[in-house]
């Protein structure tokens, strides 16, 4: 029973979904801080003019635009994502490497192709000397 549960938890798509969920939660914190501390006060203060004060915040018509809280949310996001990388992604890569399955690799670029001058099909391999579609000689 425990072996089956372990296999379920270590499935590739489940780990990818979990990492995506964690990223989404951390990013939602960043977005909430941006909206709560910058966008909302600026929108509330747009009814009349105001001058910014010194420091990491502005007071505009009685509304406080708190940049310190937003910077704190950015730092939280970076630290949180680093911890997620160290705790989830690195061990998962090592586990999958032991299994012989590469994970989180860059996609391979498509092979180079050329275009037939007669039928204008553009899916010919670069080393082809004859067109696959019209059988004309390709330079």
Protein backbone atom coordinates (compact mmCIF):
# COMPACT_ATOMS: atom_id res chain seq x y z
CA UNK A 1 0.00 0.00 0.00
CA UNK A 2 2.78 2.46 0.88
CA UNK A 3 4.70 1.58 -2.28
CA UNK A 4 1.63 2.32 -4.39
CA UNK A 5 1.13 5.63 -2.58
CA UNK A 6 4.80 6.54 -3.16
CA UNK A 7 4.49 5.70 -6.87
CA UNK A 8 1.37 7.86 -7.07
CA UNK A 9 3.15 10.82 -5.43
CA UNK A 10 6.24 10.52 -7.63
CA UNK A 11 4.42 10.44 -10.94
CA UNK A 12 5.86 13.08 -13.25
CA UNK A 13 2.67 14.94 -14.03
CA UNK A 14 1.65 15.11 -10.36
CA UNK A 15 4.94 16.80 -9.40
CA UNK A 16 4.63 19.25 -12.28
CA UNK A 17 1.08 20.12 -11.23
CA UNK A 18 2.18 20.57 -7.60
CA UNK A 19 5.00 22.91 -8.61
CA UNK A 20 2.60 24.84 -10.82
CA UNK A 21 0.14 25.19 -7.96
CA UNK A 22 2.85 26.44 -5.60
CA UNK A 23 4.03 28.97 -8.20
CA UNK A 24 0.47 30.13 -8.70
CA UNK A 25 -0.08 30.59 -4.97
CA UNK A 26 3.15 32.56 -4.55
CA UNK A 27 2.37 34.65 -7.61
CA UNK A 28 -1.13 35.35 -6.30
CA UNK A 29 0.46 36.80 -3.13
CA UNK A 30 2.59 39.07 -5.29
CA UNK A 31 -0.39 40.20 -7.32
CA UNK A 32 -2.51 40.77 -4.21
CA UNK A 33 0.23 42.91 -2.66
CA UNK A 34 0.55 44.93 -5.86
CA UNK A 35 -3.17 45.54 -6.05
CA UNK A 36 -3.68 46.23 -2.33
CA UNK A 37 -0.70 48.52 -1.87
CA UNK A 38 -0.25 50.30 -5.20
CA UNK A 39 -3.22 50.09 -7.55
CA UNK A 40 -6.07 50.56 -5.07
CA UNK A 41 -4.61 53.61 -3.28
CA UNK A 42 -3.70 55.24 -6.57
CA UNK A 43 -7.20 54.73 -7.89
CA UNK A 44 -8.67 56.13 -4.67
CA UNK A 45 -6.39 59.18 -4.85
CA UNK A 46 -7.19 60.02 -8.50
CA UNK A 47 -10.10 62.23 -7.50
CA UNK A 48 -7.74 65.15 -6.70
CA UNK A 49 -4.03 66.05 -6.84
CA UNK A 50 -1.54 65.10 -4.12
CA UNK A 51 2.18 65.25 -3.55
CA UNK A 52 4.34 62.28 -2.56
CA UNK A 53 6.10 62.24 0.82
CA UNK A 54 9.60 60.93 1.44
CA UNK A 55 10.36 57.29 2.28
CA UNK A 56 9.15 54.02 0.79
CA UNK A 57 5.54 55.16 0.83
CA UNK A 58 3.53 58.03 -0.57
CA UNK A 59 0.56 59.66 1.03
CA UNK A 60 -1.74 60.91 -1.68
CA UNK A 61 -4.95 62.56 -0.47
CA UNK A 62 -4.95 60.51 2.70
CA UNK A 63 -4.24 57.25 0.84
CA UNK A 64 -0.95 55.43 1.50
CA UNK A 65 0.88 53.83 -1.43
CA UNK A 66 3.13 51.36 0.39
CA UNK A 67 6.05 50.37 -1.84
CA UNK A 68 7.83 48.67 1.08
CA UNK A 69 5.08 46.08 1.33
CA UNK A 70 5.23 45.44 -2.41
CA UNK A 71 9.02 45.04 -2.35
CA UNK A 72 8.57 42.67 0.57
CA UNK A 73 6.15 40.59 -1.51
CA UNK A 74 8.71 40.43 -4.35
CA UNK A 75 11.40 39.26 -1.94
CA UNK A 76 8.96 36.71 -0.51
CA UNK A 77 8.19 35.42 -4.01
CA UNK A 78 11.88 35.03 -4.95
CA UNK A 79 12.78 33.29 -1.69
CA UNK A 80 9.72 31.06 -1.85
CA UNK A 81 10.44 29.99 -5.42
CA UNK A 82 14.09 29.27 -4.52
CA UNK A 83 12.95 27.03 -1.67
CA UNK A 84 10.44 25.27 -3.94
CA UNK A 85 13.23 24.69 -6.44
CA UNK A 86 15.57 23.27 -3.79
CA UNK A 87 12.95 21.16 -2.00
CA UNK A 88 10.88 19.86 -4.93
CA UNK A 89 12.55 20.30 -8.30
CA UNK A 90 16.15 19.28 -7.53
CA UNK A 91 15.25 16.04 -5.70
CA UNK A 92 12.67 15.21 -8.36
CA UNK A 93 15.25 15.66 -11.13
CA UNK A 94 17.68 13.41 -9.28
CA UNK A 95 15.01 10.77 -8.74
CA UNK A 96 13.96 10.83 -12.39
CA UNK A 97 17.62 10.69 -13.53
CA UNK A 98 18.02 7.49 -11.47
CA UNK A 99 14.93 6.14 -13.21
CA UNK A 100 16.44 7.03 -16.59
CA UNK A 101 13.78 9.56 -17.52
CA UNK A 102 14.99 13.10 -18.31
CA UNK A 103 12.74 15.81 -16.92
CA UNK A 104 12.51 19.57 -17.39
CA UNK A 105 14.67 19.54 -20.51
CA UNK A 106 14.60 22.15 -23.24
CA UNK A 107 12.68 21.14 -26.36
CA UNK A 108 14.80 20.16 -29.34
CA UNK A 109 14.61 22.52 -32.30
CA UNK A 110 12.99 21.16 -35.46
CA UNK A 111 15.38 19.89 -38.14
CA UNK A 112 16.27 22.38 -40.88
CA UNK A 113 14.13 22.30 -44.01
CA UNK A 114 14.17 23.82 -47.46
CA UNK A 115 11.57 24.75 -50.08
CA UNK A 116 11.03 23.10 -53.44
CA UNK A 117 11.35 25.64 -56.29
CA UNK A 118 8.71 23.83 -58.41
CA UNK A 119 5.81 23.02 -56.07
CA UNK A 120 6.82 25.41 -53.25
CA UNK A 121 6.40 22.77 -50.53
CA UNK A 122 8.48 23.86 -47.56
CA UNK A 123 8.75 20.58 -45.64
CA UNK A 124 11.75 19.07 -47.44
CA UNK A 125 14.69 17.94 -45.30
CA UNK A 126 17.81 20.07 -45.75
CA UNK A 127 19.80 17.12 -47.18
CA UNK A 128 17.13 16.18 -49.76
CA UNK A 129 18.11 16.24 -53.44
CA UNK A 130 14.62 15.41 -54.78
CA UNK A 131 11.23 16.79 -53.79
CA UNK A 132 8.97 14.35 -51.93
CA UNK A 133 5.85 15.77 -53.59
CA UNK A 134 6.68 16.52 -57.23
CA UNK A 135 9.95 14.56 -57.68
CA UNK A 136 11.80 17.56 -59.11
CA UNK A 137 15.50 18.00 -58.44
CA UNK A 138 16.21 20.36 -55.55
CA UNK A 139 19.56 22.15 -55.39
